[in-house]
Amino acid sequence: MDLLDRIAGLFLLATPQLGSLRVPWILSWFSPEDADALKPHSPLLEDIERTFEDHLVVDIDAVSYDKPVIPTFAVMGTSDFWVDRLSAGIGLPTRQKKIVDRTHTDVVKPRSKDSEVYGWVRDRVKKCLARFEHDVFLAMAMAGLDTEEQYQNYRNQALTIEKWLQDYCGFSSVFYAGHNLKTMQEFEAEDFSLSEDLEALRRSKYFMLVYPERIVSSVLFEAGLAVALGKPSVYFIRDRRNLPFLMKEAEQAKLPAGVRIYEYESLSKIENLLQNPGEGLWKYLGG
């Protein structure tokens, strides 16, 4: 797994992103190198700021096709003697900044769990960790099927693939809506709304479609949503001609999110592809 993929969020607590007018003077007595680095608009700080601006996305709600998203938050104190508010919060959305009537020490080292700084940071840590609740959203038709036998066949295939994703790719969380719906009757009785489906897809890192035959199903809608949300996507289909025109061309269109299409005759081909290169199926799609 790439290092950047492992970063759920970044928190800047009274951090002098543009340097400090006071810190360098104090540091110059015993750490000249640190003092030079913290001078306002120092080359190091300019390089860091340029790197963030050119190569990363810091907005937690953003969908990025070509840059890693690292949600970044800042806390700044109105009574901070060392770091001014502009330096502490530059380049971040207002909703990802917290201004408190505290000193520098109060921001960096909250006195207790009752501190507003502690509570605000804690809640946003939880939000960052929940951003990718699932490794893969597995889409396989459940709606549009005619018989219980057909439903059981599709569900068994999906459960098998779900296990392979865990065993071969090391994915700890695979979202498959039919996992706990053992019969067609249970599925039809389930009140599973579009908003719940969209939220599960939004919180998934990758998207995988398994489409054994031409069928009118919401999985095609989910595939479109995955592209719109910037999810690297892999389609396993029996016959490419079964896909709508735009989906057939998705691979050649070089979408920034990345789509890869595989035709398969039996589940064994899917198993082989998941065994090698495993997670690499998505890694080379811009995710």
Protein backbone atom coordinates (compact mmCIF):
# COMPACT_ATOMS: atom_id res chain seq x y z
CA MET A 1 0.00 0.00 0.00
CA ASP A 2 1.36 3.45 -0.88
CA LEU A 3 2.42 5.61 2.05
CA LEU A 4 0.01 8.42 1.16
CA ASP A 5 -2.89 5.96 1.09
CA ARG A 6 -2.22 5.18 4.74
CA ILE A 7 -2.65 8.80 5.87
CA ALA A 8 -6.23 9.32 7.02
CA GLY A 9 -5.80 12.96 7.97
CA LEU A 10 -3.38 15.71 9.00
CA PHE A 11 -3.83 18.00 12.01
CA LEU A 12 -1.94 21.26 12.40
CA LEU A 13 -2.08 22.54 15.98
CA ALA A 14 -0.87 26.15 16.03
CA THR A 15 1.58 25.21 13.27
CA PRO A 16 3.56 28.10 11.72
CA GLN A 17 2.99 27.22 8.06
CA LEU A 18 4.26 30.64 6.96
CA GLY A 19 6.85 30.89 9.71
CA SER A 20 6.84 32.98 12.87
CA LEU A 21 7.91 36.51 13.66
CA ARG A 22 8.95 35.48 17.18
CA VAL A 23 10.07 31.84 17.22
CA PRO A 24 13.24 32.30 15.08
CA TRP A 25 14.60 34.94 17.44
CA ILE A 26 14.38 32.59 20.42
CA LEU A 27 15.65 29.54 18.53
CA SER A 28 18.64 31.36 17.08
CA TRP A 29 20.35 31.07 20.46
CA PHE A 30 20.49 27.27 20.52
CA SER A 31 19.19 25.94 17.16
CA PRO A 32 20.17 28.18 14.22
CA GLU A 33 18.97 25.61 11.65
CA ASP A 34 15.45 25.50 13.09
CA ALA A 35 15.47 29.27 13.38
CA ASP A 36 16.28 29.62 9.67
CA ALA A 37 13.53 27.14 8.75
CA LEU A 38 10.91 29.08 10.72
CA LYS A 39 11.74 32.50 9.37
CA PRO A 40 8.70 33.96 7.61
CA HIS A 41 8.61 32.87 3.96
CA SER A 42 11.78 30.80 4.32
CA PRO A 43 12.71 28.63 1.29
CA LEU A 44 11.79 25.46 3.21
CA LEU A 45 8.33 26.73 4.13
CA GLU A 46 7.73 27.97 0.58
CA ASP A 47 8.70 24.53 -0.75
CA ILE A 48 6.33 22.78 1.69
CA GLU A 49 3.45 25.09 0.79
CA ARG A 50 4.08 24.62 -2.94
CA THR A 51 4.17 20.83 -2.53
CA PHE A 52 0.78 20.83 -0.80
CA GLU A 53 -0.72 23.17 -3.39
CA ASP A 54 0.58 21.26 -6.43
CA HIS A 55 0.37 17.64 -5.32
CA LEU A 56 -2.26 17.19 -2.60
CA VAL A 57 -5.93 17.92 -1.93
CA VAL A 58 -6.74 18.93 1.65
CA ASP A 59 -10.55 19.27 1.49
CA ILE A 60 -12.16 16.29 3.23
CA ASP A 61 -15.22 16.43 0.94
CA ALA A 62 -13.24 16.70 -2.30
CA VAL A 63 -13.20 14.14 -5.10
CA SER A 64 -9.79 14.12 -6.75
CA TYR A 65 -8.87 12.19 -9.87
CA ASP A 66 -5.16 12.94 -10.02
CA LYS A 67 -4.02 13.94 -6.53
CA PRO A 68 -4.12 12.13 -3.17
CA VAL A 69 -6.69 13.53 -0.76
CA ILE A 70 -5.30 14.10 2.73
CA PRO A 71 -7.93 15.91 4.81
CA THR A 72 -6.10 18.62 6.72
CA PHE A 73 -7.34 20.55 9.75
CA ALA A 74 -5.91 23.42 11.78
CA VAL A 75 -6.45 24.79 15.26
CA MET A 76 -5.31 28.32 16.05
CA GLY A 77 -5.44 30.37 19.21
CA THR A 78 -6.44 34.02 19.36
CA SER A 79 -4.04 34.45 22.30
CA ASP A 80 -1.16 32.61 20.62
CA PHE A 81 1.97 34.73 21.15
CA TRP A 82 4.15 32.61 18.86
CA VAL A 83 2.05 31.80 15.77
CA ASP A 84 -0.43 34.17 14.15
CA ARG A 85 -3.76 32.97 12.75
CA LEU A 86 -2.83 33.51 9.09
CA SER A 87 0.28 31.39 9.43
CA ALA A 88 -1.59 28.67 11.34
CA GLY A 89 -4.50 28.32 8.92
CA ILE A 90 -3.28 29.29 5.45
CA GLY A 91 -4.59 27.23 2.54
CA LEU A 92 -7.39 25.40 4.37
CA PRO A 93 -11.20 25.58 4.00
CA THR A 94 -12.82 27.62 6.76
CA ARG A 95 -14.88 24.63 7.94
CA GLN A 96 -11.62 22.73 8.57
CA LYS A 97 -10.22 25.40 10.88
CA LYS A 98 -10.97 25.91 14.55
CA ILE A 99 -10.31 29.25 16.23
CA VAL A 100 -10.18 29.15 20.02
CA ASP A 101 -9.51 31.79 22.65
CA ARG A 102 -6.42 29.99 23.90
CA THR A 103 -2.65 30.36 24.11
CA HIS A 104 -0.16 28.43 22.01
CA THR A 105 0.42 25.91 24.80
CA ASP A 106 -3.33 25.39 25.32
CA VAL A 107 -3.71 24.53 21.63
CA VAL A 108 -0.67 22.24 21.40
CA LYS A 109 -1.19 20.56 24.77
CA PRO A 110 -4.87 20.59 25.81
CA ARG A 111 -5.19 20.39 29.57
CA SER A 112 -7.95 17.76 29.59
CA LYS A 113 -10.39 15.80 27.45
CA ASP A 114 -12.96 18.48 28.22
CA SER A 115 -10.94 21.00 26.23
CA GLU A 116 -12.73 22.30 23.12
CA VAL A 117 -9.52 21.69 21.18
CA TYR A 118 -9.43 18.03 22.23
CA GLY A 119 -13.11 17.49 21.41
CA TRP A 120 -12.91 19.17 18.01
CA VAL A 121 -9.83 17.21 16.97
CA ARG A 122 -11.25 13.92 18.28
CA ASP A 123 -14.46 14.29 16.25
CA ARG A 124 -12.54 15.03 13.07
CA VAL A 125 -10.18 12.12 13.61
CA LYS A 126 -13.27 9.89 13.67
CA LYS A 127 -14.52 11.49 10.47
CA CYS A 128 -11.18 10.92 8.75
CA LEU A 129 -11.06 7.28 9.81
CA ALA A 130 -14.60 6.74 8.51
CA ARG A 131 -13.79 8.29 5.13
CA PHE A 132 -12.90 4.88 3.69
CA GLU A 133 -14.98 2.57 5.81
CA HIS A 134 -14.85 -0.10 3.08
CA ASP A 135 -11.99 -1.21 0.87
CA VAL A 136 -14.23 -2.31 -2.00
CA PHE A 137 -17.85 -1.75 -2.99
CA LEU A 138 -18.86 -5.01 -4.72
CA ALA A 139 -21.79 -4.54 -7.09
CA MET A 140 -23.63 -7.60 -8.35
CA ALA A 141 -27.23 -7.68 -9.51
CA MET A 142 -29.92 -8.41 -6.96
CA ALA A 143 -32.75 -6.36 -8.40
CA GLY A 144 -34.17 -7.41 -11.76
CA LEU A 145 -33.74 -11.14 -11.18
CA ASP A 146 -36.68 -13.42 -11.98
CA THR A 147 -36.33 -16.46 -9.74
CA GLU A 148 -35.03 -17.49 -6.33
CA GLU A 149 -32.62 -19.86 -8.03
CA GLN A 150 -31.14 -17.00 -10.04
CA TYR A 151 -30.86 -14.88 -6.90
CA GLN A 152 -29.06 -17.67 -5.02
CA ASN A 153 -26.67 -18.20 -7.91
CA TYR A 154 -25.73 -14.52 -8.10
CA ARG A 155 -25.43 -14.20 -4.33
CA ASN A 156 -23.19 -17.27 -4.01
CA GLN A 157 -20.90 -15.90 -6.70
CA ALA A 158 -20.72 -12.54 -4.92
CA LEU A 159 -19.93 -14.17 -1.56
CA THR A 160 -17.19 -16.22 -3.18
CA ILE A 161 -15.65 -13.11 -4.75
CA GLU A 162 -16.01 -11.27 -1.45
CA LYS A 163 -13.92 -13.98 0.23
CA TRP A 164 -11.27 -13.80 -2.50
CA LEU A 165 -11.00 -10.05 -2.08
CA GLN A 166 -10.30 -10.62 1.60
CA ASP A 167 -7.96 -13.59 1.17
CA TYR A 168 -5.96 -12.52 -1.89
CA CYS A 169 -6.06 -8.73 -1.68
CA GLY A 170 -5.96 -8.37 2.08
CA PHE A 171 -9.11 -6.26 2.16
CA SER A 172 -10.64 -6.30 5.62
CA SER A 173 -13.94 -4.68 4.60
CA VAL A 174 -15.87 -5.50 1.44
CA PHE A 175 -19.31 -3.95 1.07
CA TYR A 176 -21.82 -6.22 -0.67
CA ALA A 177 -25.45 -5.23 -0.12
CA GLY A 178 -26.67 -8.82 -0.37
CA HIS A 179 -24.27 -10.24 2.21
CA ASN A 180 -26.95 -10.68 4.88
CA LEU A 181 -29.94 -11.01 2.54
CA LYS A 182 -30.16 -14.76 2.13
CA THR A 183 -33.30 -14.91 -0.01
CA MET A 184 -34.96 -12.84 -2.70
CA GLN A 185 -37.85 -12.25 -0.33
CA GLU A 186 -35.50 -10.74 2.26
CA PHE A 187 -33.98 -8.52 -0.41
CA GLU A 188 -37.35 -7.30 -1.65
CA ALA A 189 -38.43 -6.57 1.93
CA GLU A 190 -35.27 -4.63 2.71
CA ASP A 191 -35.77 -0.88 2.82
CA PHE A 192 -32.39 0.00 1.35
CA SER A 193 -32.53 3.59 0.16
CA LEU A 194 -30.52 5.33 -2.53
CA SER A 195 -28.92 7.54 0.11
CA GLU A 196 -27.64 4.49 2.02
CA ASP A 197 -26.28 2.96 -1.17
CA LEU A 198 -24.57 6.20 -2.14
CA GLU A 199 -23.08 6.63 1.32
CA ALA A 200 -21.63 3.10 1.27
CA LEU A 201 -20.15 3.78 -2.17
CA ARG A 202 -18.76 7.14 -1.05
CA ARG A 203 -17.05 5.44 1.88
CA SER A 204 -15.46 2.77 -0.30
CA LYS A 205 -12.01 3.12 -1.78
CA TYR A 206 -12.54 0.95 -4.87
CA PHE A 207 -15.49 -0.19 -6.97
CA MET A 208 -15.94 -3.66 -8.49
CA LEU A 209 -18.75 -4.64 -10.83
CA VAL A 210 -19.55 -8.27 -11.65
CA TYR A 211 -22.01 -8.47 -14.56
CA PRO A 212 -22.61 -12.07 -15.71
CA GLU A 213 -25.36 -11.25 -18.21
CA ARG A 214 -27.34 -8.40 -19.72
CA ILE A 215 -29.88 -7.40 -17.09
CA VAL A 216 -31.63 -4.21 -16.08
CA SER A 217 -30.16 -3.62 -12.65
CA SER A 218 -29.11 -0.79 -10.36
CA VAL A 219 -25.50 -2.02 -10.57
CA LEU A 220 -25.14 -0.04 -13.81
CA PHE A 221 -26.27 3.08 -11.96
CA GLU A 222 -23.79 2.31 -9.19
CA ALA A 223 -21.00 1.99 -11.75
CA GLY A 224 -21.79 5.49 -13.03
CA LEU A 225 -21.80 6.86 -9.50
CA ALA A 226 -18.43 5.26 -8.83
CA VAL A 227 -16.90 7.06 -11.82
CA ALA A 228 -18.49 10.35 -10.73
CA LEU A 229 -17.07 9.90 -7.23
CA GLY A 230 -13.61 9.21 -8.58
CA LYS A 231 -13.45 5.55 -7.51
CA PRO A 232 -10.93 3.37 -9.38
CA SER A 233 -13.19 0.73 -10.93
CA VAL A 234 -12.87 -2.82 -12.25
CA TYR A 235 -15.64 -4.47 -14.28
CA PHE A 236 -15.88 -8.25 -14.72
CA ILE A 237 -18.33 -9.09 -17.52
CA ARG A 238 -19.15 -12.15 -19.59
CA ASP A 239 -19.57 -10.18 -22.80
CA ARG A 240 -18.49 -6.58 -23.34
CA ARG A 241 -21.46 -6.13 -25.69
CA ASN A 242 -23.79 -6.44 -22.69
CA LEU A 243 -22.63 -3.09 -21.38
CA PRO A 244 -24.20 0.24 -22.38
CA PHE A 245 -22.15 2.14 -24.96
CA LEU A 246 -20.56 4.63 -22.56
CA MET A 247 -19.49 1.86 -20.20
CA LYS A 248 -17.98 -0.15 -23.04
CA GLU A 249 -15.87 2.87 -23.94
CA ALA A 250 -14.93 3.79 -20.37
CA GLU A 251 -11.59 1.99 -20.53
CA GLN A 252 -10.52 3.73 -23.75
CA ALA A 253 -11.81 7.10 -22.57
CA LYS A 254 -8.90 7.35 -20.12
CA LEU A 255 -11.10 8.62 -17.35
CA PRO A 256 -9.04 10.19 -14.59
CA ALA A 257 -10.62 7.87 -12.02
CA GLY A 258 -9.64 4.83 -14.09
CA VAL A 259 -11.76 1.93 -15.34
CA ARG A 260 -10.52 -1.53 -16.31
CA ILE A 261 -12.76 -4.12 -18.02
CA TYR A 262 -12.19 -7.88 -17.99
CA GLU A 263 -14.23 -10.46 -19.84
CA TYR A 264 -14.49 -13.81 -18.08
CA GLU A 265 -15.98 -17.22 -18.85
CA SER A 266 -15.83 -18.64 -15.32
CA LEU A 267 -15.15 -17.45 -11.81
CA SER A 268 -11.72 -19.05 -11.95
CA LYS A 269 -10.47 -16.19 -14.14
CA ILE A 270 -11.62 -13.67 -11.57
CA GLU A 271 -9.85 -15.68 -8.88
CA ASN A 272 -6.63 -15.78 -10.91
CA LEU A 273 -6.69 -12.04 -11.49
CA LEU A 274 -7.31 -11.32 -7.82
CA GLN A 275 -4.44 -13.59 -6.83
CA ASN A 276 -2.07 -11.70 -9.11
CA PRO A 277 -1.74 -8.74 -8.95
CA GLY A 278 -4.48 -8.50 -6.33
CA GLU A 279 -4.83 -4.93 -5.14
CA GLY A 280 -2.79 -3.87 -8.18
CA LEU A 281 -5.98 -4.21 -10.22
CA TRP A 282 -6.92 -0.82 -8.81
CA LYS A 283 -3.51 0.63 -8.05
CA TYR A 284 -2.77 1.32 -11.70
CA LEU A 285 -6.06 3.13 -12.22
CA GLY A 286 -5.15 6.34 -10.47
CA GLY A 287 -6.46 5.45 -7.04
